[in-house]
PDB file of N, CA and C in Angstrom:
ATOM      1  N   UNK A   1      62.477  59.583  70.972  1.00  0.00           N
ATOM      2  CA  UNK A   1      63.795  60.049  71.396  1.00  0.00           C
ATOM      3  C   UNK A   1      63.741  61.558  71.608  1.00  0.00           C
ATOM      4  N   UNK A   2      64.127  61.978  72.795  1.00  0.00           N
ATOM      5  CA  UNK A   2      64.108  63.405  73.119  1.00  0.00           C
ATOM      6  C   UNK A   2      65.342  64.082  72.529  1.00  0.00           C
ATOM      7  N   UNK A   3      65.102  65.208  71.875  1.00  0.00           N
ATOM      8  CA  UNK A   3      66.207  65.999  71.336  1.00  0.00           C
ATOM      9  C   UNK A   3      66.035  67.456  71.710  1.00  0.00           C
ATOM     10  N   UNK A   4      67.127  68.095  72.084  1.00  0.00           N
ATOM     11  CA  UNK A   4      67.151  69.519  72.379  1.00  0.00           C
ATOM     12  C   UNK A   4      68.198  70.154  71.467  1.00  0.00           C
ATOM     13  N   UNK A   5      67.799  71.174  70.752  1.00  0.00           N
ATOM     14  CA  UNK A   5      68.701  71.825  69.817  1.00  0.00           C
ATOM     15  C   UNK A   5      68.723  73.319  70.105  1.00  0.00           C
ATOM     16  N   UNK A   6      69.886  73.816  70.527  1.00  0.00           N
ATOM     17  CA  UNK A   6      70.045  75.241  70.817  1.00  0.00           C
ATOM     18  C   UNK A   6      70.445  76.021  69.564  1.00  0.00           C
ATOM     19  N   UNK A   7      70.098  77.288  69.572  1.00  0.00           N
ATOM     20  CA  UNK A   7      70.523  78.201  68.522  1.00  0.00           C
ATOM     21  C   UNK A   7      70.482  79.625  69.080  1.00  0.00           C
ATOM     22  N   UNK A   8      71.062  80.549  68.320  1.00  0.00           N
ATOM     23  CA  UNK A   8      70.987  81.949  68.699  1.00  0.00           C
ATOM     24  C   UNK A   8      72.239  82.536  69.304  1.00  0.00           C
ATOM     25  N   UNK A   9      73.250  81.709  69.517  1.00  0.00           N
ATOM     26  CA  UNK A   9      74.494  82.239  70.055  1.00  0.00           C
ATOM     27  C   UNK A   9      75.212  83.107  69.036  1.00  0.00           C
ATOM     28  N   UNK A  10      76.253  83.770  69.497  1.00  0.00           N
ATOM     29  CA  UNK A  10      77.029  84.617  68.599  1.00  0.00           C
ATOM     30  C   UNK A  10      77.984  85.497  69.379  1.00  0.00           C
ATOM     31  N   UNK A  11      78.542  86.466  68.674  1.00  0.00           N
ATOM     32  CA  UNK A  11      79.488  87.407  69.275  1.00  0.00           C
ATOM     33  C   UNK A  11      78.869  88.789  69.317  1.00  0.00           C
ATOM     34  N   UNK A  12      78.904  89.400  70.485  1.00  0.00           N
ATOM     35  CA  UNK A  12      78.363  90.742  70.655  1.00  0.00           C
ATOM     36  C   UNK A  12      79.303  91.559  71.524  1.00  0.00           C
ATOM     37  N   UNK A  13      79.128  92.849  71.485  1.00  0.00           N
ATOM     38  CA  UNK A  13      79.883  93.723  72.376  1.00  0.00           C
ATOM     39  C   UNK A  13      79.152  93.841  73.711  1.00  0.00           C
ATOM     40  N   UNK A  14      79.917  94.200  74.724  1.00  0.00           N
ATOM     41  CA  UNK A  14      79.327  94.396  76.046  1.00  0.00           C
ATOM     42  C   UNK A  14      78.177  95.391  75.959  1.00  0.00           C
ATOM     43  N   UNK A  15      77.096  95.075  76.658  1.00  0.00           N
ATOM     44  CA  UNK A  15      75.910  95.903  76.622  1.00  0.00           C
ATOM     45  C   UNK A  15      74.885  95.448  75.598  1.00  0.00           C
ATOM     46  N   UNK A  16      75.295  94.539  74.731  1.00  0.00           N
ATOM     47  CA  UNK A  16      74.404  94.056  73.694  1.00  0.00           C
ATOM     48  C   UNK A  16      73.453  92.975  74.192  1.00  0.00           C
ATOM     49  N   UNK A  17      72.659  92.454  73.263  1.00  0.00           N
ATOM     50  CA  UNK A  17      71.650  91.451  73.591  1.00  0.00           C
ATOM     51  C   UNK A  17      71.708  90.277  72.628  1.00  0.00           C
ATOM     52  N   UNK A  18      71.286  89.141  73.113  1.00  0.00           N
ATOM     53  CA  UNK A  18      71.113  87.945  72.304  1.00  0.00           C
ATOM     54  C   UNK A  18      69.900  87.185  72.839  1.00  0.00           C
ATOM     55  N   UNK A  19      69.245  86.435  71.966  1.00  0.00           N
ATOM     56  CA  UNK A  19      68.184  85.549  72.411  1.00  0.00           C
ATOM     57  C   UNK A  19      68.522  84.126  71.980  1.00  0.00           C
ATOM     58  N   UNK A  20      68.665  83.258  72.946  1.00  0.00           N
ATOM     59  CA  UNK A  20      68.926  81.855  72.677  1.00  0.00           C
ATOM     60  C   UNK A  20      67.603  81.096  72.596  1.00  0.00           C
ATOM     61  N   UNK A  21      67.577  80.108  71.731  1.00  0.00           N
ATOM     62  CA  UNK A  21      66.409  79.250  71.581  1.00  0.00           C
ATOM     63  C   UNK A  21      66.817  77.800  71.790  1.00  0.00           C
ATOM     64  N   UNK A  22      65.892  77.017  72.298  1.00  0.00           N
ATOM     65  CA  UNK A  22      66.120  75.587  72.487  1.00  0.00           C
ATOM     66  C   UNK A  22      64.868  74.858  72.024  1.00  0.00           C
ATOM     67  N   UNK A  23      64.958  74.223  70.873  1.00  0.00           N
ATOM     68  CA  UNK A  23      63.826  73.496  70.309  1.00  0.00           C
ATOM     69  C   UNK A  23      63.806  72.086  70.883  1.00  0.00           C
ATOM     70  N   UNK A  24      62.649  71.686  71.403  1.00  0.00           N
ATOM     71  CA  UNK A  24      62.494  70.387  72.048  1.00  0.00           C
ATOM     72  C   UNK A  24      61.616  69.485  71.183  1.00  0.00           C
ATOM     73  N   UNK A  25      62.051  68.270  70.982  1.00  0.00           N
ATOM     74  CA  UNK A  25      61.238  67.303  70.244  1.00  0.00           C
ATOM     75  C   UNK A  25      61.274  65.960  70.953  1.00  0.00           C
ATOM     76  N   UNK A  26      60.208  65.197  70.755  1.00  0.00           N
ATOM     77  CA  UNK A  26      60.162  63.849  71.293  1.00  0.00           C
ATOM     78  C   UNK A  26      59.828  63.750  72.768  1.00  0.00           C
ATOM     79  N   UNK A  27      59.380  64.853  73.375  1.00  0.00           N
ATOM     80  CA  UNK A  27      59.106  64.833  74.809  1.00  0.00           C
ATOM     81  C   UNK A  27      57.625  64.600  75.046  1.00  0.00           C
ATOM     82  N   UNK A  28      57.290  63.618  75.893  1.00  0.00           N
ATOM     83  CA  UNK A  28      55.891  63.286  76.128  1.00  0.00           C
ATOM     84  C   UNK A  28      55.413  63.634  77.525  1.00  0.00           C
ATOM     85  N   UNK A  29      56.316  63.807  78.473  1.00  0.00           N
ATOM     86  CA  UNK A  29      55.899  64.158  79.827  1.00  0.00           C
ATOM     87  C   UNK A  29      55.272  65.548  79.833  1.00  0.00           C
ATOM     88  N   UNK A  30      54.265  65.729  80.673  1.00  0.00           N
ATOM     89  CA  UNK A  30      53.592  67.014  80.731  1.00  0.00           C
ATOM     90  C   UNK A  30      54.140  67.906  81.840  1.00  0.00           C
ATOM     91  N   UNK A  31      54.828  67.347  82.804  1.00  0.00           N
ATOM     92  CA  UNK A  31      55.375  68.148  83.890  1.00  0.00           C
ATOM     93  C   UNK A  31      56.874  67.879  83.980  1.00  0.00           C
ATOM     94  N   UNK A  32      57.632  68.866  83.603  1.00  0.00           N
ATOM     95  CA  UNK A  32      59.072  68.727  83.676  1.00  0.00           C
ATOM     96  C   UNK A  32      59.695  70.104  83.763  1.00  0.00           C
ATOM     97  N   UNK A  33      60.951  70.120  84.098  1.00  0.00           N
ATOM     98  CA  UNK A  33      61.679  71.373  84.238  1.00  0.00           C
ATOM     99  C   UNK A  33      62.660  71.513  83.092  1.00  0.00           C
ATOM    100  N   UNK A  34      62.900  72.736  82.718  1.00  0.00           N
ATOM    101  CA  UNK A  34      63.938  73.019  81.725  1.00  0.00           C
ATOM    102  C   UNK A  34      64.838  74.118  82.260  1.00  0.00           C
ATOM    103  N   UNK A  35      66.063  74.047  81.857  1.00  0.00           N
ATOM    104  CA  UNK A  35      67.015  75.037  82.345  1.00  0.00           C
ATOM    105  C   UNK A  35      68.033  75.425  81.304  1.00  0.00           C
ATOM    106  N   UNK A  36      68.636  76.576  81.535  1.00  0.00           N
ATOM    107  CA  UNK A  36      69.785  77.036  80.754  1.00  0.00           C
ATOM    108  C   UNK A  36      71.011  76.978  81.663  1.00  0.00           C
ATOM    109  N   UNK A  37      72.087  76.473  81.094  1.00  0.00           N
ATOM    110  CA  UNK A  37      73.339  76.335  81.816  1.00  0.00           C
ATOM    111  C   UNK A  37      74.445  76.906  80.949  1.00  0.00           C
ATOM    112  N   UNK A  38      75.571  77.208  81.550  1.00  0.00           N
ATOM    113  CA  UNK A  38      76.703  77.702  80.772  1.00  0.00           C
ATOM    114  C   UNK A  38      77.999  77.189  81.360  1.00  0.00           C
ATOM    115  N   UNK A  39      78.986  77.101  80.478  1.00  0.00           N
ATOM    116  CA  UNK A  39      80.303  76.653  80.907  1.00  0.00           C
ATOM    117  C   UNK A  39      81.366  77.445  80.166  1.00  0.00           C
ATOM    118  N   UNK A  40      82.150  78.175  80.926  1.00  0.00           N
ATOM    119  CA  UNK A  40      83.263  78.933  80.366  1.00  0.00           C
ATOM    120  C   UNK A  40      84.508  78.055  80.384  1.00  0.00           C
ATOM    121  N   UNK A  41      85.470  78.333  79.521  1.00  0.00           N
ATOM    122  CA  UNK A  41      86.703  77.532  79.484  1.00  0.00           C
ATOM    123  C   UNK A  41      87.381  77.480  80.852  1.00  0.00           C
ATOM    124  N   UNK A  42      87.697  76.271  81.297  1.00  0.00           N
ATOM    125  CA  UNK A  42      88.391  76.112  82.567  1.00  0.00           C
ATOM    126  C   UNK A  42      87.514  76.221  83.792  1.00  0.00           C
ATOM    127  N   UNK A  43      86.222  76.377  83.578  1.00  0.00           N
ATOM    128  CA  UNK A  43      85.310  76.526  84.720  1.00  0.00           C
ATOM    129  C   UNK A  43      84.253  75.423  84.697  1.00  0.00           C
ATOM    130  N   UNK A  44      83.657  75.207  85.845  1.00  0.00           N
ATOM    131  CA  UNK A  44      82.596  74.211  85.931  1.00  0.00           C
ATOM    132  C   UNK A  44      81.315  74.739  85.298  1.00  0.00           C
ATOM    133  N   UNK A  45      80.490  73.832  84.871  1.00  0.00           N
ATOM    134  CA  UNK A  45      79.189  74.215  84.340  1.00  0.00           C
ATOM    135  C   UNK A  45      78.340  74.809  85.462  1.00  0.00           C
ATOM    136  N   UNK A  46      77.619  75.880  85.148  1.00  0.00           N
ATOM    137  CA  UNK A  46      76.784  76.503  86.164  1.00  0.00           C
ATOM    138  C   UNK A  46      75.371  76.713  85.642  1.00  0.00           C
ATOM    139  N   UNK A  47      74.426  76.652  86.551  1.00  0.00           N
ATOM    140  CA  UNK A  47      73.057  76.921  86.189  1.00  0.00           C
ATOM    141  C   UNK A  47      72.829  78.412  86.019  1.00  0.00           C
ATOM    142  N   UNK A  48      72.031  78.783  85.034  1.00  0.00           N
ATOM    143  CA  UNK A  48      71.743  80.184  84.743  1.00  0.00           C
ATOM    144  C   UNK A  48      70.292  80.506  85.068  1.00  0.00           C
ATOM    145  N   UNK A  49      69.373  79.684  84.574  1.00  0.00           N
ATOM    146  CA  UNK A  49      67.944  79.939  84.782  1.00  0.00           C
ATOM    147  C   UNK A  49      67.185  78.632  84.636  1.00  0.00           C
ATOM    148  N   UNK A  50      66.075  78.544  85.366  1.00  0.00           N
ATOM    149  CA  UNK A  50      65.231  77.353  85.335  1.00  0.00           C
ATOM    150  C   UNK A  50      63.783  77.768  85.079  1.00  0.00           C
ATOM    151  N   UNK A  51      63.091  76.962  84.272  1.00  0.00           N
ATOM    152  CA  UNK A  51      61.677  77.191  83.972  1.00  0.00           C
ATOM    153  C   UNK A  51      60.904  75.950  84.370  1.00  0.00           C
ATOM    154  N   UNK A  52      59.987  76.097  85.319  1.00  0.00           N
ATOM    155  CA  UNK A  52      59.212  74.969  85.792  1.00  0.00           C
ATOM    156  C   UNK A  52      57.963  74.735  84.967  1.00  0.00           C
ATOM    157  N   UNK A  53      57.334  73.589  85.185  1.00  0.00           N
ATOM    158  CA  UNK A  53      56.174  73.223  84.387  1.00  0.00           C
ATOM    159  C   UNK A  53      54.979  74.123  84.643  1.00  0.00           C
ATOM    160  N   UNK A  54      54.944  74.858  85.720  1.00  0.00           N
ATOM    161  CA  UNK A  54      53.875  75.809  85.998  1.00  0.00           C
ATOM    162  C   UNK A  54      54.319  77.243  85.751  1.00  0.00           C
ATOM    163  N   UNK A  55      55.409  77.402  85.034  1.00  0.00           N
ATOM    164  CA  UNK A  55      55.871  78.730  84.683  1.00  0.00           C
ATOM    165  C   UNK A  55      56.684  79.424  85.751  1.00  0.00           C
ATOM    166  N   UNK A  56      57.023  78.713  86.807  1.00  0.00           N
ATOM    167  CA  UNK A  56      57.846  79.306  87.857  1.00  0.00           C
ATOM    168  C   UNK A  56      59.290  79.375  87.369  1.00  0.00           C
ATOM    169  N   UNK A  57      59.900  80.526  87.528  1.00  0.00           N
ATOM    170  CA  UNK A  57      61.262  80.724  87.039  1.00  0.00           C
ATOM    171  C   UNK A  57      62.209  81.071  88.190  1.00  0.00           C
ATOM    172  N   UNK A  58      63.457  80.763  87.979  1.00  0.00           N
ATOM    173  CA  UNK A  58      64.485  81.159  88.935  1.00  0.00           C
ATOM    174  C   UNK A  58      65.772  81.448  88.173  1.00  0.00           C
ATOM    175  N   UNK A  59      66.605  82.323  88.755  1.00  0.00           N
ATOM    176  CA  UNK A  59      67.816  82.773  88.094  1.00  0.00           C
ATOM    177  C   UNK A  59      68.988  82.790  89.074  1.00  0.00           C
ATOM    178  N   UNK A  60      70.150  82.568  88.527  1.00  0.00           N
ATOM    179  CA  UNK A  60      71.349  82.760  89.336  1.00  0.00           C
ATOM    180  C   UNK A  60      71.526  84.261  89.549  1.00  0.00           C
ATOM    181  N   UNK A  61      72.075  84.644  90.675  1.00  0.00           N
ATOM    182  CA  UNK A  61      72.140  86.066  91.039  1.00  0.00           C
ATOM    183  C   UNK A  61      72.838  86.917  89.981  1.00  0.00           C
ATOM    184  N   UNK A  62      73.843  86.386  89.333  1.00  0.00           N
ATOM    185  CA  UNK A  62      74.647  87.180  88.407  1.00  0.00           C
ATOM    186  C   UNK A  62      73.891  87.610  87.157  1.00  0.00           C
ATOM    187  N   UNK A  63      72.735  87.000  86.879  1.00  0.00           N
ATOM    188  CA  UNK A  63      71.986  87.363  85.672  1.00  0.00           C
ATOM    189  C   UNK A  63      70.627  87.963  85.973  1.00  0.00           C
ATOM    190  N   UNK A  64      70.265  88.040  87.237  1.00  0.00           N
ATOM    191  CA  UNK A  64      68.961  88.600  87.601  1.00  0.00           C
ATOM    192  C   UNK A  64      68.834  90.033  87.101  1.00  0.00           C
ATOM    193  N   UNK A  65      67.689  90.320  86.498  1.00  0.00           N
ATOM    194  CA  UNK A  65      67.457  91.650  85.959  1.00  0.00           C
ATOM    195  C   UNK A  65      67.994  91.849  84.552  1.00  0.00           C
ATOM    196  N   UNK A  66      68.794  90.896  84.073  1.00  0.00           N
ATOM    197  CA  UNK A  66      69.367  91.011  82.728  1.00  0.00           C
ATOM    198  C   UNK A  66      68.873  89.908  81.798  1.00  0.00           C
ATOM    199  N   UNK A  67      68.670  88.721  82.331  1.00  0.00           N
ATOM    200  CA  UNK A  67      68.249  87.575  81.525  1.00  0.00           C
ATOM    201  C   UNK A  67      66.804  87.223  81.863  1.00  0.00           C
ATOM    202  N   UNK A  68      66.089  86.715  80.857  1.00  0.00           N
ATOM    203  CA  UNK A  68      64.717  86.253  81.052  1.00  0.00           C
ATOM    204  C   UNK A  68      64.535  84.911  80.367  1.00  0.00           C
ATOM    205  N   UNK A  69      64.077  83.928  81.124  1.00  0.00           N
ATOM    206  CA  UNK A  69      63.786  82.611  80.564  1.00  0.00           C
ATOM    207  C   UNK A  69      62.291  82.532  80.294  1.00  0.00           C
ATOM    208  N   UNK A  70      61.934  81.938  79.165  1.00  0.00           N
ATOM    209  CA  UNK A  70      60.528  81.792  78.823  1.00  0.00           C
ATOM    210  C   UNK A  70      60.354  80.546  77.968  1.00  0.00           C
ATOM    211  N   UNK A  71      59.107  80.145  77.803  1.00  0.00           N
ATOM    212  CA  UNK A  71      58.841  78.918  77.032  1.00  0.00           C
ATOM    213  C   UNK A  71      57.566  79.097  76.242  1.00  0.00           C
ATOM    214  N   UNK A  72      57.617  78.710  74.993  1.00  0.00           N
ATOM    215  CA  UNK A  72      56.454  78.718  74.107  1.00  0.00           C
ATOM    216  C   UNK A  72      56.016  77.275  73.941  1.00  0.00           C
ATOM    217  N   UNK A  73      54.948  76.889  74.633  1.00  0.00           N
ATOM    218  CA  UNK A  73      54.517  75.492  74.589  1.00  0.00           C
ATOM    219  C   UNK A  73      54.016  75.095  73.204  1.00  0.00           C
ATOM    220  N   UNK A  74      53.426  76.034  72.492  1.00  0.00           N
ATOM    221  CA  UNK A  74      52.918  75.724  71.155  1.00  0.00           C
ATOM    222  C   UNK A  74      54.057  75.376  70.205  1.00  0.00           C
ATOM    223  N   UNK A  75      55.204  76.012  70.411  1.00  0.00           N
ATOM    224  CA  UNK A  75      56.364  75.765  69.553  1.00  0.00           C
ATOM    225  C   UNK A  75      57.350  74.789  70.182  1.00  0.00           C
ATOM    226  N   UNK A  76      57.057  74.342  71.404  1.00  0.00           N
ATOM    227  CA  UNK A  76      57.983  73.454  72.130  1.00  0.00           C
ATOM    228  C   UNK A  76      59.395  74.029  72.150  1.00  0.00           C
ATOM    229  N   UNK A  77      59.465  75.298  72.477  1.00  0.00           N
ATOM    230  CA  UNK A  77      60.755  75.983  72.439  1.00  0.00           C
ATOM    231  C   UNK A  77      60.975  76.772  73.726  1.00  0.00           C
ATOM    232  N   UNK A  78      62.168  76.639  74.264  1.00  0.00           N
ATOM    233  CA  UNK A  78      62.610  77.389  75.437  1.00  0.00           C
ATOM    234  C   UNK A  78      63.497  78.523  74.967  1.00  0.00           C
ATOM    235  N   UNK A  79      63.363  79.675  75.593  1.00  0.00           N
ATOM    236  CA  UNK A  79      64.153  80.842  75.210  1.00  0.00           C
ATOM    237  C   UNK A  79      64.945  81.386  76.396  1.00  0.00           C
ATOM    238  N   UNK A  80      66.014  82.083  76.066  1.00  0.00           N
ATOM    239  CA  UNK A  80      66.745  82.851  77.062  1.00  0.00           C
ATOM    240  C   UNK A  80      67.085  84.193  76.430  1.00  0.00           C
ATOM    241  N   UNK A  81      66.365  85.224  76.858  1.00  0.00           N
ATOM    242  CA  UNK A  81      66.656  86.573  76.396  1.00  0.00           C
ATOM    243  C   UNK A  81      67.738  87.148  77.291  1.00  0.00           C
ATOM    244  N   UNK A  82      68.845  87.538  76.673  1.00  0.00           N
ATOM    245  CA  UNK A  82      69.987  88.038  77.426  1.00  0.00           C
ATOM    246  C   UNK A  82      70.243  89.486  77.035  1.00  0.00           C
ATOM    247  N   UNK A  83      70.075  90.374  77.985  1.00  0.00           N
ATOM    248  CA  UNK A  83      70.307  91.800  77.770  1.00  0.00           C
ATOM    249  C   UNK A  83      71.482  92.281  78.605  1.00  0.00           C
ATOM    250  N   UNK A  84      71.989  93.436  78.246  1.00  0.00           N
ATOM    251  CA  UNK A  84      73.111  94.045  78.964  1.00  0.00           C
ATOM    252  C   UNK A  84      74.215  93.015  79.219  1.00  0.00           C
ATOM    253  N   UNK A  85      74.614  92.358  78.155  1.00  0.00           N
ATOM    254  CA  UNK A  85      75.614  91.302  78.282  1.00  0.00           C
ATOM    255  C   UNK A  85      76.961  91.853  78.722  1.00  0.00           C
ATOM    256  N   UNK A  86      77.656  91.035  79.492  1.00  0.00           N
ATOM    257  CA  UNK A  86      78.969  91.396  80.024  1.00  0.00           C
ATOM    258  C   UNK A  86      80.002  90.377  79.536  1.00  0.00           C
ATOM    259  N   UNK A  87      81.273  90.758  79.486  1.00  0.00           N
ATOM    260  CA  UNK A  87      82.302  89.799  79.072  1.00  0.00           C
ATOM    261  C   UNK A  87      82.279  88.518  79.900  1.00  0.00           C
ATOM    262  N   UNK A  88      81.940  88.611  81.163  1.00  0.00           N
ATOM    263  CA  UNK A  88      81.890  87.419  82.009  1.00  0.00           C
ATOM    264  C   UNK A  88      80.728  86.485  81.682  1.00  0.00           C
ATOM    265  N   UNK A  89      79.851  86.898  80.782  1.00  0.00           N
ATOM    266  CA  UNK A  89      78.786  86.016  80.309  1.00  0.00           C
ATOM    267  C   UNK A  89      79.273  85.093  79.187  1.00  0.00           C
ATOM    268  N   UNK A  90      80.495  85.322  78.720  1.00  0.00           N
ATOM    269  CA  UNK A  90      81.055  84.495  77.654  1.00  0.00           C
ATOM    270  C   UNK A  90      81.151  83.051  78.101  1.00  0.00           C
ATOM    271  N   UNK A  91      80.538  82.146  77.333  1.00  0.00           N
ATOM    272  CA  UNK A  91      80.507  80.722  77.682  1.00  0.00           C
ATOM    273  C   UNK A  91      79.776  79.955  76.594  1.00  0.00           C
ATOM    274  N   UNK A  92      79.866  78.642  76.687  1.00  0.00           N
ATOM    275  CA  UNK A  92      78.993  77.772  75.908  1.00  0.00           C
ATOM    276  C   UNK A  92      77.710  77.620  76.712  1.00  0.00           C
ATOM    277  N   UNK A  93      76.585  77.879  76.073  1.00  0.00           N
ATOM    278  CA  UNK A  93      75.296  77.802  76.744  1.00  0.00           C
ATOM    279  C   UNK A  93      74.555  76.535  76.305  1.00  0.00           C
ATOM    280  N   UNK A  94      74.017  75.835  77.289  1.00  0.00           N
ATOM    281  CA  UNK A  94      73.300  74.597  77.046  1.00  0.00           C
ATOM    282  C   UNK A  94      71.883  74.678  77.623  1.00  0.00           C
ATOM    283  N   UNK A  95      70.948  74.045  76.942  1.00  0.00           N
ATOM    284  CA  UNK A  95      69.640  73.851  77.563  1.00  0.00           C
ATOM    285  C   UNK A  95      69.520  72.386  77.963  1.00  0.00           C
ATOM    286  N   UNK A  96      68.676  72.136  78.930  1.00  0.00           N
ATOM    287  CA  UNK A  96      68.503  70.788  79.450  1.00  0.00           C
ATOM    288  C   UNK A  96      67.089  70.617  79.973  1.00  0.00           C
ATOM    289  N   UNK A  97      66.647  69.359  80.030  1.00  0.00           N
ATOM    290  CA  UNK A  97      65.312  69.050  80.520  1.00  0.00           C
ATOM    291  C   UNK A  97      65.374  67.867  81.478  1.00  0.00           C
ATOM    292  N   UNK A  98      64.537  67.926  82.492  1.00  0.00           N
ATOM    293  CA  UNK A  98      64.447  66.803  83.423  1.00  0.00           C
ATOM    294  C   UNK A  98      63.449  65.783  82.894  1.00  0.00           C
ATOM    295  N   UNK A  99      63.307  64.689  83.605  1.00  0.00           N
ATOM    296  CA  UNK A  99      62.194  63.789  83.372  1.00  0.00           C
ATOM    297  C   UNK A  99      60.973  64.351  84.074  1.00  0.00           C
ATOM    298  N   UNK A 100      59.944  63.508  84.242  1.00  0.00           N
ATOM    299  CA  UNK A 100      58.732  63.931  84.927  1.00  0.00           C
ATOM    300  C   UNK A 100      59.088  64.453  86.306  1.00  0.00           C
ATOM    301  N   UNK A 101      58.780  65.712  86.550  1.00  0.00           N
ATOM    302  CA  UNK A 101      59.184  66.344  87.800  1.00  0.00           C
ATOM    303  C   UNK A 101      58.265  67.508  88.090  1.00  0.00           C
ATOM    304  N   UNK A 102      57.795  67.617  89.314  1.00  0.00           N
ATOM    305  CA  UNK A 102      56.901  68.713  89.688  1.00  0.00           C
ATOM    306  C   UNK A 102      57.687  69.876  90.285  1.00  0.00           C
ATOM    307  N   UNK A 103      58.606  69.568  91.180  1.00  0.00           N
ATOM    308  CA  UNK A 103      59.411  70.599  91.810  1.00  0.00           C
ATOM    309  C   UNK A 103      60.782  70.609  91.141  1.00  0.00           C
ATOM    310  N   UNK A 104      61.170  71.768  90.622  1.00  0.00           N
ATOM    311  CA  UNK A 104      62.414  71.852  89.870  1.00  0.00           C
ATOM    312  C   UNK A 104      63.623  71.922  90.796  1.00  0.00           C
ATOM    313  N   UNK A 105      64.764  71.475  90.315  1.00  0.00           N
ATOM    314  CA  UNK A 105      65.994  71.613  91.112  1.00  0.00           C
ATOM    315  C   UNK A 105      66.331  73.081  91.313  1.00  0.00           C
ATOM    316  N   UNK A 106      67.066  73.409  92.356  1.00  0.00           N
ATOM    317  CA  UNK A 106      67.555  74.790  92.509  1.00  0.00           C
ATOM    318  C   UNK A 106      68.382  75.182  91.298  1.00  0.00           C
ATOM    319  N   UNK A 107      68.395  76.466  90.966  1.00  0.00           N
ATOM    320  CA  UNK A 107      69.048  76.917  89.741  1.00  0.00           C
ATOM    321  C   UNK A 107      70.528  76.556  89.717  1.00  0.00           C
ATOM    322  N   UNK A 108      71.189  76.517  90.851  1.00  0.00           N
ATOM    323  CA  UNK A 108      72.617  76.204  90.863  1.00  0.00           C
ATOM    324  C   UNK A 108      72.904  74.718  90.686  1.00  0.00           C
ATOM    325  N   UNK A 109      71.886  73.877  90.752  1.00  0.00           N
ATOM    326  CA  UNK A 109      72.100  72.427  90.633  1.00  0.00           C
ATOM    327  C   UNK A 109      72.163  72.045  89.164  1.00  0.00           C
ATOM    328  N   UNK A 110      73.226  71.356  88.788  1.00  0.00           N
ATOM    329  CA  UNK A 110      73.381  70.951  87.389  1.00  0.00           C
ATOM    330  C   UNK A 110      73.084  69.475  87.183  1.00  0.00           C
ATOM    331  N   UNK A 111      72.804  68.753  88.264  1.00  0.00           N
ATOM    332  CA  UNK A 111      72.447  67.342  88.152  1.00  0.00           C
ATOM    333  C   UNK A 111      70.923  67.198  88.133  1.00  0.00           C
ATOM    334  N   UNK A 112      70.460  66.028  87.718  1.00  0.00           N
ATOM    335  CA  UNK A 112      69.027  65.770  87.694  1.00  0.00           C
ATOM    336  C   UNK A 112      68.368  66.053  86.362  1.00  0.00           C
ATOM    337  N   UNK A 113      69.138  66.491  85.396  1.00  0.00           N
ATOM    338  CA  UNK A 113      68.620  66.765  84.055  1.00  0.00           C
ATOM    339  C   UNK A 113      68.958  65.587  83.152  1.00  0.00           C
ATOM    340  N   UNK A 114      67.928  65.013  82.543  1.00  0.00           N
ATOM    341  CA  UNK A 114      68.118  63.801  81.758  1.00  0.00           C
ATOM    342  C   UNK A 114      68.566  64.074  80.328  1.00  0.00           C
ATOM    343  N   UNK A 115      68.214  65.228  79.813  1.00  0.00           N
ATOM    344  CA  UNK A 115      68.443  65.512  78.402  1.00  0.00           C
ATOM    345  C   UNK A 115      69.162  66.845  78.246  1.00  0.00           C
ATOM    346  N   UNK A 116      70.150  66.860  77.359  1.00  0.00           N
ATOM    347  CA  UNK A 116      70.969  68.052  77.136  1.00  0.00           C
ATOM    348  C   UNK A 116      71.105  68.326  75.648  1.00  0.00           C
ATOM    349  N   UNK A 117      71.182  69.602  75.311  1.00  0.00           N
ATOM    350  CA  UNK A 117      71.485  69.993  73.949  1.00  0.00           C
ATOM    351  C   UNK A 117      72.989  70.004  73.720  1.00  0.00           C
ATOM    352  N   UNK A 118      73.378  70.368  72.510  1.00  0.00           N
ATOM    353  CA  UNK A 118      74.796  70.335  72.139  1.00  0.00           C
ATOM    354  C   UNK A 118      75.513  71.635  72.475  1.00  0.00           C
ATOM    355  N   UNK A 119      74.756  72.671  72.783  1.00  0.00           N
ATOM    356  CA  UNK A 119      75.338  73.945  73.182  1.00  0.00           C
ATOM    357  C   UNK A 119      75.428  74.957  72.061  1.00  0.00           C
ATOM    358  N   UNK A 120      75.433  76.223  72.456  1.00  0.00           N
ATOM    359  CA  UNK A 120      75.622  77.317  71.516  1.00  0.00           C
ATOM    360  C   UNK A 120      76.544  78.340  72.181  1.00  0.00           C
ATOM    361  N   UNK A 121      77.520  78.826  71.426  1.00  0.00           N
ATOM    362  CA  UNK A 121      78.565  79.680  71.993  1.00  0.00           C
ATOM    363  C   UNK A 121      78.105  81.130  72.048  1.00  0.00           C
ATOM    364  N   UNK A 122      78.336  81.751  73.178  1.00  0.00           N
ATOM    365  CA  UNK A 122      78.089  83.183  73.362  1.00  0.00           C
ATOM    366  C   UNK A 122      79.420  83.832  73.733  1.00  0.00           C
ATOM    367  N   UNK A 123      79.809  84.828  72.962  1.00  0.00           N
ATOM    368  CA  UNK A 123      81.058  85.545  73.216  1.00  0.00           C
ATOM    369  C   UNK A 123      80.757  87.034  73.330  1.00  0.00           C
ATOM    370  N   UNK A 124      81.133  87.627  74.445  1.00  0.00           N
ATOM    371  CA  UNK A 124      80.885  89.046  74.696  1.00  0.00           C
ATOM    372  C   UNK A 124      82.226  89.750  74.821  1.00  0.00           C
ATOM    373  N   UNK A 125      82.455  90.713  73.960  1.00  0.00           N
ATOM    374  CA  UNK A 125      83.722  91.446  73.973  1.00  0.00           C
ATOM    375  C   UNK A 125      83.548  92.793  74.679  1.00  0.00           C
ATOM    376  N   UNK A 126      84.632  93.240  75.284  1.00  0.00           N
ATOM    377  CA  UNK A 126      84.570  94.504  76.035  1.00  0.00           C
ATOM    378  C   UNK A 126      84.894  95.689  75.146  1.00  0.00           C
TER     379      UNK A 126
END
């Protein structure tokens, strides 16, 4: 059974940093995509960053240069380093994984992910 567990959320002031973690267990496929998504109250879920099985990354324009997605295969953990946070980054952040897949979905696509974590809240105050 595949499980994704996020951690690392919290409350910070604008300009601050947070690092989110997503621990993956029970996954046997060797080629799959993982992504970070977020959903603010009253808004649709949006893609933030995607990490492909060959280390190819992509980001939504609003976080480019501020966020970095990475993965530690030895620890089976996906990370999202978030710097220079803005109030508009406030949302529930989720990690997700696809099934066996070579080419990852575009970062803005929220469908096609088979497994989702429970989310971790990020709140940025001005």
